[in-house]
């Protein structure tokens, strides 16, 4: 996980361009971040060198000073296939 000072709020299109129909996932909760208007997706988040965190996870886990302590308490799950 990146240090919180390196994250900047970005639109997906700021990083990958408006024509890119791909998507990325929040590093913490697996929220889809994309240019597409899919159900349950967002088009922005916090970005740091190829790592994305959705707005909610940023507020809950990255912004607080004890975010690393909070993250280690989360259940580890396998990445969806």
PDB file of N, CA and C in Angstrom:
ATOM      1  N   UNK A   1       0.839  -1.173   0.000  1.00  0.00           N
ATOM      2  CA  UNK A   1       0.000   0.000   0.000  1.00  0.00           C
ATOM      3  C   UNK A   1       0.890   1.243   0.000  1.00  0.00           C
ATOM      4  N   UNK A   2       0.511   2.219  -0.747  1.00  0.00           N
ATOM      5  CA  UNK A   2       1.253   3.468  -0.844  1.00  0.00           C
ATOM      6  C   UNK A   2       1.005   4.352   0.392  1.00  0.00           C
ATOM      7  N   UNK A   3       1.939   5.229   0.684  1.00  0.00           N
ATOM      8  CA  UNK A   3       1.744   6.203   1.747  1.00  0.00           C
ATOM      9  C   UNK A   3       0.675   7.209   1.314  1.00  0.00           C
ATOM     10  N   UNK A   4      -0.116   7.698   2.253  1.00  0.00           N
ATOM     11  CA  UNK A   4      -1.257   8.543   1.913  1.00  0.00           C
ATOM     12  C   UNK A   4      -0.874   9.856   1.237  1.00  0.00           C
ATOM     13  N   UNK A   5       0.292  10.385   1.492  1.00  0.00           N
ATOM     14  CA  UNK A   5       0.704  11.640   0.885  1.00  0.00           C
ATOM     15  C   UNK A   5       0.896  11.571  -0.617  1.00  0.00           C
ATOM     16  N   UNK A   6       0.997  10.369  -1.164  1.00  0.00           N
ATOM     17  CA  UNK A   6       1.221  10.214  -2.598  1.00  0.00           C
ATOM     18  C   UNK A   6      -0.081  10.157  -3.404  1.00  0.00           C
ATOM     19  N   UNK A   7      -1.217   9.944  -2.752  1.00  0.00           N
ATOM     20  CA  UNK A   7      -2.480   9.847  -3.470  1.00  0.00           C
ATOM     21  C   UNK A   7      -3.002  11.223  -3.854  1.00  0.00           C
ATOM     22  N   UNK A   8      -3.532  11.314  -5.086  1.00  0.00           N
ATOM     23  CA  UNK A   8      -4.174  12.532  -5.569  1.00  0.00           C
ATOM     24  C   UNK A   8      -5.522  12.159  -6.163  1.00  0.00           C
ATOM     25  N   UNK A   9      -6.525  13.021  -5.937  1.00  0.00           N
ATOM     26  CA  UNK A   9      -7.838  12.790  -6.532  1.00  0.00           C
ATOM     27  C   UNK A   9      -7.714  12.907  -8.045  1.00  0.00           C
ATOM     28  N   UNK A  10      -8.236  11.920  -8.769  1.00  0.00           N
ATOM     29  CA  UNK A  10      -8.170  11.906 -10.235  1.00  0.00           C
ATOM     30  C   UNK A  10      -9.462  11.350 -10.815  1.00  0.00           C
ATOM     31  N   UNK A  11      -9.799  11.827 -11.994  1.00  0.00           N
ATOM     32  CA  UNK A  11     -10.798  11.168 -12.822  1.00  0.00           C
ATOM     33  C   UNK A  11     -10.103  10.023 -13.550  1.00  0.00           C
ATOM     34  N   UNK A  12     -10.818   8.956 -13.798  1.00  0.00           N
ATOM     35  CA  UNK A  12     -10.245   7.846 -14.552  1.00  0.00           C
ATOM     36  C   UNK A  12      -9.706   8.343 -15.888  1.00  0.00           C
ATOM     37  N   UNK A  13     -10.457   9.249 -16.530  1.00  0.00           N
ATOM     38  CA  UNK A  13     -10.051   9.766 -17.844  1.00  0.00           C
ATOM     39  C   UNK A  13      -8.785  10.617 -17.771  1.00  0.00           C
ATOM     40  N   UNK A  14      -8.456  11.188 -16.600  1.00  0.00           N
ATOM     41  CA  UNK A  14      -7.209  11.945 -16.446  1.00  0.00           C
ATOM     42  C   UNK A  14      -5.987  11.040 -16.594  1.00  0.00           C
ATOM     43  N   UNK A  15      -6.141   9.792 -16.215  1.00  0.00           N
ATOM     44  CA  UNK A  15      -5.019   8.851 -16.225  1.00  0.00           C
ATOM     45  C   UNK A  15      -5.015   7.999 -17.492  1.00  0.00           C
ATOM     46  N   UNK A  16      -6.180   7.537 -17.921  1.00  0.00           N
ATOM     47  CA  UNK A  16      -6.248   6.589 -19.026  1.00  0.00           C
ATOM     48  C   UNK A  16      -6.889   7.123 -20.292  1.00  0.00           C
ATOM     49  N   UNK A  17      -7.397   8.336 -20.289  1.00  0.00           N
ATOM     50  CA  UNK A  17      -8.005   8.896 -21.493  1.00  0.00           C
ATOM     51  C   UNK A  17      -9.473   8.552 -21.608  1.00  0.00           C
ATOM     52  N   UNK A  18     -10.188   9.393 -22.326  1.00  0.00           N
ATOM     53  CA  UNK A  18     -11.644   9.232 -22.463  1.00  0.00           C
ATOM     54  C   UNK A  18     -12.030   8.047 -23.324  1.00  0.00           C
ATOM     55  N   UNK A  19     -11.173   7.622 -24.242  1.00  0.00           N
ATOM     56  CA  UNK A  19     -11.527   6.539 -25.156  1.00  0.00           C
ATOM     57  C   UNK A  19     -11.296   5.156 -24.556  1.00  0.00           C
ATOM     58  N   UNK A  20     -10.558   5.077 -23.459  1.00  0.00           N
ATOM     59  CA  UNK A  20     -10.234   3.787 -22.854  1.00  0.00           C
ATOM     60  C   UNK A  20     -11.492   3.179 -22.241  1.00  0.00           C
ATOM     61  N   UNK A  21     -11.884   2.000 -22.714  1.00  0.00           N
ATOM     62  CA  UNK A  21     -13.091   1.339 -22.220  1.00  0.00           C
ATOM     63  C   UNK A  21     -12.778   0.291 -21.162  1.00  0.00           C
ATOM     64  N   UNK A  22     -11.556   0.277 -20.685  1.00  0.00           N
ATOM     65  CA  UNK A  22     -11.152  -0.667 -19.659  1.00  0.00           C
ATOM     66  C   UNK A  22     -11.600  -0.158 -18.287  1.00  0.00           C
ATOM     67  N   UNK A  23     -11.122  -0.791 -17.244  1.00  0.00           N
ATOM     68  CA  UNK A  23     -11.442  -0.357 -15.892  1.00  0.00           C
ATOM     69  C   UNK A  23     -10.341  -0.789 -14.931  1.00  0.00           C
ATOM     70  N   UNK A  24     -10.381  -0.232 -13.729  1.00  0.00           N
ATOM     71  CA  UNK A  24      -9.483  -0.610 -12.647  1.00  0.00           C
ATOM     72  C   UNK A  24     -10.342  -0.875 -11.419  1.00  0.00           C
ATOM     73  N   UNK A  25      -9.718  -1.388 -10.377  1.00  0.00           N
ATOM     74  CA  UNK A  25     -10.437  -1.664  -9.137  1.00  0.00           C
ATOM     75  C   UNK A  25      -9.779  -0.934  -7.977  1.00  0.00           C
ATOM     76  N   UNK A  26     -10.590  -0.550  -6.997  1.00  0.00           N
ATOM     77  CA  UNK A  26     -10.074  -0.009  -5.753  1.00  0.00           C
ATOM     78  C   UNK A  26      -9.197  -1.073  -5.108  1.00  0.00           C
ATOM     79  N   UNK A  27      -8.039  -0.674  -4.663  1.00  0.00           N
ATOM     80  CA  UNK A  27      -7.083  -1.597  -4.061  1.00  0.00           C
ATOM     81  C   UNK A  27      -7.610  -2.218  -2.767  1.00  0.00           C
ATOM     82  N   UNK A  28      -8.574  -1.562  -2.122  1.00  0.00           N
ATOM     83  CA  UNK A  28      -9.068  -2.040  -0.835  1.00  0.00           C
ATOM     84  C   UNK A  28     -10.367  -2.830  -0.962  1.00  0.00           C
ATOM     85  N   UNK A  29     -11.386  -2.256  -1.619  1.00  0.00           N
ATOM     86  CA  UNK A  29     -12.717  -2.901  -1.639  1.00  0.00           C
ATOM     87  C   UNK A  29     -13.105  -3.499  -2.981  1.00  0.00           C
ATOM     88  N   UNK A  30     -12.298  -3.290  -4.006  1.00  0.00           N
ATOM     89  CA  UNK A  30     -12.525  -3.835  -5.349  1.00  0.00           C
ATOM     90  C   UNK A  30     -13.631  -3.105  -6.113  1.00  0.00           C
ATOM     91  N   UNK A  31     -14.010  -1.894  -5.686  1.00  0.00           N
ATOM     92  CA  UNK A  31     -14.955  -1.043  -6.430  1.00  0.00           C
ATOM     93  C   UNK A  31     -14.418  -0.820  -7.836  1.00  0.00           C
ATOM     94  N   UNK A  32     -15.271  -0.888  -8.849  1.00  0.00           N
ATOM     95  CA  UNK A  32     -14.857  -0.649 -10.231  1.00  0.00           C
ATOM     96  C   UNK A  32     -14.779   0.856 -10.492  1.00  0.00           C
ATOM     97  N   UNK A  33     -13.652   1.276 -11.061  1.00  0.00           N
ATOM     98  CA  UNK A  33     -13.431   2.673 -11.462  1.00  0.00           C
ATOM     99  C   UNK A  33     -13.188   2.653 -12.968  1.00  0.00           C
ATOM    100  N   UNK A  34     -14.005   3.406 -13.722  1.00  0.00           N
ATOM    101  CA  UNK A  34     -13.976   3.313 -15.173  1.00  0.00           C
ATOM    102  C   UNK A  34     -14.575   4.561 -15.815  1.00  0.00           C
ATOM    103  N   UNK A  35     -14.386   4.715 -17.121  1.00  0.00           N
ATOM    104  CA  UNK A  35     -15.086   5.746 -17.886  1.00  0.00           C
ATOM    105  C   UNK A  35     -16.491   5.287 -18.251  1.00  0.00           C
ATOM    106  N   UNK A  36     -16.690   3.981 -18.351  1.00  0.00           N
ATOM    107  CA  UNK A  36     -17.989   3.447 -18.740  1.00  0.00           C
ATOM    108  C   UNK A  36     -19.035   3.744 -17.676  1.00  0.00           C
ATOM    109  N   UNK A  37     -20.271   3.770 -18.084  1.00  0.00           N
ATOM    110  CA  UNK A  37     -21.376   4.041 -17.181  1.00  0.00           C
ATOM    111  C   UNK A  37     -22.055   2.739 -16.778  1.00  0.00           C
ATOM    112  N   UNK A  38     -21.278   1.819 -16.243  1.00  0.00           N
ATOM    113  CA  UNK A  38     -21.820   0.545 -15.787  1.00  0.00           C
ATOM    114  C   UNK A  38     -22.521   0.742 -14.457  1.00  0.00           C
ATOM    115  N   UNK A  39     -23.388  -0.206 -14.136  1.00  0.00           N
ATOM    116  CA  UNK A  39     -24.050  -0.175 -12.835  1.00  0.00           C
ATOM    117  C   UNK A  39     -23.005  -0.361 -11.730  1.00  0.00           C
ATOM    118  N   UNK A  40     -23.143   0.378 -10.655  1.00  0.00           N
ATOM    119  CA  UNK A  40     -22.259   0.278  -9.486  1.00  0.00           C
ATOM    120  C   UNK A  40     -20.802   0.584  -9.791  1.00  0.00           C
ATOM    121  N   UNK A  41     -20.548   1.539 -10.679  1.00  0.00           N
ATOM    122  CA  UNK A  41     -19.179   1.963 -10.963  1.00  0.00           C
ATOM    123  C   UNK A  41     -19.035   3.446 -10.642  1.00  0.00           C
ATOM    124  N   UNK A  42     -17.797   3.879 -10.515  1.00  0.00           N
ATOM    125  CA  UNK A  42     -17.500   5.297 -10.331  1.00  0.00           C
ATOM    126  C   UNK A  42     -16.457   5.696 -11.360  1.00  0.00           C
ATOM    127  N   UNK A  43     -16.330   6.996 -11.633  1.00  0.00           N
ATOM    128  CA  UNK A  43     -15.366   7.441 -12.645  1.00  0.00           C
ATOM    129  C   UNK A  43     -14.212   8.240 -12.040  1.00  0.00           C
ATOM    130  N   UNK A  44     -14.059   8.158 -10.697  1.00  0.00           N
ATOM    131  CA  UNK A  44     -12.962   8.887 -10.059  1.00  0.00           C
ATOM    132  C   UNK A  44     -12.539   8.178  -8.782  1.00  0.00           C
ATOM    133  N   UNK A  45     -11.440   8.622  -8.242  1.00  0.00           N
ATOM    134  CA  UNK A  45     -10.931   8.075  -6.991  1.00  0.00           C
ATOM    135  C   UNK A  45      -9.595   8.721  -6.690  1.00  0.00           C
ATOM    136  N   UNK A  46      -8.847   8.099  -5.835  1.00  0.00           N
ATOM    137  CA  UNK A  46      -7.522   8.596  -5.475  1.00  0.00           C
ATOM    138  C   UNK A  46      -6.489   7.672  -6.094  1.00  0.00           C
ATOM    139  N   UNK A  47      -5.505   8.276  -6.744  1.00  0.00           N
ATOM    140  CA  UNK A  47      -4.554   7.546  -7.585  1.00  0.00           C
ATOM    141  C   UNK A  47      -3.130   7.833  -7.141  1.00  0.00           C
ATOM    142  N   UNK A  48      -2.310   6.778  -7.141  1.00  0.00           N
ATOM    143  CA  UNK A  48      -0.887   6.928  -6.865  1.00  0.00           C
ATOM    144  C   UNK A  48      -0.122   5.840  -7.605  1.00  0.00           C
ATOM    145  N   UNK A  49       0.549   6.214  -8.687  1.00  0.00           N
ATOM    146  CA  UNK A  49       1.448   5.303  -9.389  1.00  0.00           C
ATOM    147  C   UNK A  49       0.848   3.913  -9.621  1.00  0.00           C
ATOM    148  N   UNK A  50      -0.216   3.854 -10.403  1.00  0.00           N
ATOM    149  CA  UNK A  50      -0.911   2.619 -10.773  1.00  0.00           C
ATOM    150  C   UNK A  50      -1.736   1.990  -9.658  1.00  0.00           C
ATOM    151  N   UNK A  51      -1.946   2.672  -8.559  1.00  0.00           N
ATOM    152  CA  UNK A  51      -2.800   2.178  -7.478  1.00  0.00           C
ATOM    153  C   UNK A  51      -3.982   3.120  -7.336  1.00  0.00           C
ATOM    154  N   UNK A  52      -5.191   2.556  -7.368  1.00  0.00           N
ATOM    155  CA  UNK A  52      -6.419   3.332  -7.210  1.00  0.00           C
ATOM    156  C   UNK A  52      -7.097   2.956  -5.899  1.00  0.00           C
ATOM    157  N   UNK A  53      -7.678   3.959  -5.240  1.00  0.00           N
ATOM    158  CA  UNK A  53      -8.497   3.756  -4.053  1.00  0.00           C
ATOM    159  C   UNK A  53      -9.763   4.573  -4.263  1.00  0.00           C
ATOM    160  N   UNK A  54     -10.931   3.956  -4.054  1.00  0.00           N
ATOM    161  CA  UNK A  54     -12.191   4.687  -4.239  1.00  0.00           C
ATOM    162  C   UNK A  54     -12.329   5.753  -3.150  1.00  0.00           C
ATOM    163  N   UNK A  55     -13.256   6.675  -3.361  1.00  0.00           N
ATOM    164  CA  UNK A  55     -13.450   7.793  -2.433  1.00  0.00           C
ATOM    165  C   UNK A  55     -13.760   7.317  -1.019  1.00  0.00           C
ATOM    166  N   UNK A  56     -14.659   6.343  -0.897  1.00  0.00           N
ATOM    167  CA  UNK A  56     -15.068   5.871   0.424  1.00  0.00           C
ATOM    168  C   UNK A  56     -13.909   5.211   1.170  1.00  0.00           C
ATOM    169  N   UNK A  57     -13.142   4.387   0.494  1.00  0.00           N
ATOM    170  CA  UNK A  57     -11.999   3.745   1.141  1.00  0.00           C
ATOM    171  C   UNK A  57     -10.921   4.767   1.489  1.00  0.00           C
ATOM    172  N   UNK A  58     -10.753   5.766   0.654  1.00  0.00           N
ATOM    173  CA  UNK A  58      -9.791   6.822   0.965  1.00  0.00           C
ATOM    174  C   UNK A  58     -10.180   7.518   2.270  1.00  0.00           C
ATOM    175  N   UNK A  59     -11.461   7.876   2.398  1.00  0.00           N
ATOM    176  CA  UNK A  59     -11.925   8.557   3.609  1.00  0.00           C
ATOM    177  C   UNK A  59     -11.843   7.658   4.835  1.00  0.00           C
ATOM    178  N   UNK A  60     -12.143   6.365   4.661  1.00  0.00           N
ATOM    179  CA  UNK A  60     -12.168   5.441   5.792  1.00  0.00           C
ATOM    180  C   UNK A  60     -10.796   4.920   6.195  1.00  0.00           C
ATOM    181  N   UNK A  61      -9.922   4.709   5.223  1.00  0.00           N
ATOM    182  CA  UNK A  61      -8.685   3.997   5.519  1.00  0.00           C
ATOM    183  C   UNK A  61      -7.399   4.762   5.232  1.00  0.00           C
ATOM    184  N   UNK A  62      -7.388   5.622   4.226  1.00  0.00           N
ATOM    185  CA  UNK A  62      -6.143   6.298   3.862  1.00  0.00           C
ATOM    186  C   UNK A  62      -6.008   7.628   4.592  1.00  0.00           C
ATOM    187  N   UNK A  63      -7.073   8.406   4.637  1.00  0.00           N
ATOM    188  CA  UNK A  63      -7.003   9.721   5.257  1.00  0.00           C
ATOM    189  C   UNK A  63      -6.698   9.685   6.758  1.00  0.00           C
ATOM    190  N   UNK A  64      -7.315   8.785   7.527  1.00  0.00           N
ATOM    191  CA  UNK A  64      -6.991   8.745   8.965  1.00  0.00           C
ATOM    192  C   UNK A  64      -5.524   8.376   9.195  1.00  0.00           C
ATOM    193  N   UNK A  65      -4.967   8.896  10.251  1.00  0.00           N
ATOM    194  CA  UNK A  65      -3.566   8.618  10.556  1.00  0.00           C
ATOM    195  C   UNK A  65      -3.302   7.152  10.878  1.00  0.00           C
ATOM    196  N   UNK A  66      -4.305   6.428  11.333  1.00  0.00           N
ATOM    197  CA  UNK A  66      -4.110   5.023  11.697  1.00  0.00           C
ATOM    198  C   UNK A  66      -4.612   4.062  10.616  1.00  0.00           C
ATOM    199  N   UNK A  67      -4.593   4.487   9.356  1.00  0.00           N
ATOM    200  CA  UNK A  67      -5.175   3.670   8.292  1.00  0.00           C
ATOM    201  C   UNK A  67      -4.490   2.327   8.118  1.00  0.00           C
ATOM    202  N   UNK A  68      -3.203   2.236   8.321  1.00  0.00           N
ATOM    203  CA  UNK A  68      -2.532   0.942   8.168  1.00  0.00           C
ATOM    204  C   UNK A  68      -3.016  -0.034   9.236  1.00  0.00           C
ATOM    205  N   UNK A  69      -3.271   0.450  10.448  1.00  0.00           N
ATOM    206  CA  UNK A  69      -3.823  -0.409  11.493  1.00  0.00           C
ATOM    207  C   UNK A  69      -5.211  -0.902  11.105  1.00  0.00           C
ATOM    208  N   UNK A  70      -6.027  -0.031  10.514  1.00  0.00           N
ATOM    209  CA  UNK A  70      -7.378  -0.414  10.105  1.00  0.00           C
ATOM    210  C   UNK A  70      -7.347  -1.432   8.976  1.00  0.00           C
ATOM    211  N   UNK A  71      -6.450  -1.257   8.020  1.00  0.00           N
ATOM    212  CA  UNK A  71      -6.387  -2.153   6.871  1.00  0.00           C
ATOM    213  C   UNK A  71      -5.999  -3.578   7.283  1.00  0.00           C
ATOM    214  N   UNK A  72      -5.075  -3.724   8.204  1.00  0.00           N
ATOM    215  CA  UNK A  72      -4.648  -5.070   8.596  1.00  0.00           C
ATOM    216  C   UNK A  72      -5.743  -5.843   9.307  1.00  0.00           C
ATOM    217  N   UNK A  73      -6.781  -5.166   9.787  1.00  0.00           N
ATOM    218  CA  UNK A  73      -7.886  -5.865  10.447  1.00  0.00           C
ATOM    219  C   UNK A  73      -8.920  -6.386   9.450  1.00  0.00           C
ATOM    220  N   UNK A  74      -8.845  -5.969   8.213  1.00  0.00           N
ATOM    221  CA  UNK A  74      -9.829  -6.396   7.212  1.00  0.00           C
ATOM    222  C   UNK A  74      -9.604  -7.848   6.813  1.00  0.00           C
ATOM    223  N   UNK A  75     -10.683  -8.512   6.481  1.00  0.00           N
ATOM    224  CA  UNK A  75     -10.596  -9.894   6.005  1.00  0.00           C
ATOM    225  C   UNK A  75      -9.936  -9.917   4.642  1.00  0.00           C
ATOM    226  N   UNK A  76      -8.987 -10.789   4.479  1.00  0.00           N
ATOM    227  CA  UNK A  76      -8.311 -10.945   3.188  1.00  0.00           C
ATOM    228  C   UNK A  76      -9.140 -11.894   2.321  1.00  0.00           C
ATOM    229  N   UNK A  77      -9.451 -11.474   1.116  1.00  0.00           N
ATOM    230  CA  UNK A  77     -10.200 -12.299   0.175  1.00  0.00           C
ATOM    231  C   UNK A  77      -9.429 -12.398  -1.121  1.00  0.00           C
ATOM    232  N   UNK A  78      -9.628 -13.498  -1.828  1.00  0.00           N
ATOM    233  CA  UNK A  78      -8.966 -13.689  -3.117  1.00  0.00           C
ATOM    234  C   UNK A  78      -9.556 -12.727  -4.128  1.00  0.00           C
ATOM    235  N   UNK A  79      -8.728 -12.311  -5.090  1.00  0.00           N
ATOM    236  CA  UNK A  79      -9.213 -11.462  -6.174  1.00  0.00           C
ATOM    237  C   UNK A  79     -10.249 -12.226  -6.999  1.00  0.00           C
ATOM    238  N   UNK A  80     -11.321 -11.555  -7.407  1.00  0.00           N
ATOM    239  CA  UNK A  80     -12.303 -12.217  -8.270  1.00  0.00           C
ATOM    240  C   UNK A  80     -11.655 -12.640  -9.584  1.00  0.00           C
ATOM    241  N   UNK A  81     -12.108 -13.723 -10.111  1.00  0.00           N
ATOM    242  CA  UNK A  81     -11.573 -14.227 -11.385  1.00  0.00           C
ATOM    243  C   UNK A  81     -12.285 -13.602 -12.548  1.00  0.00           C
TER     244      UNK A  81
END
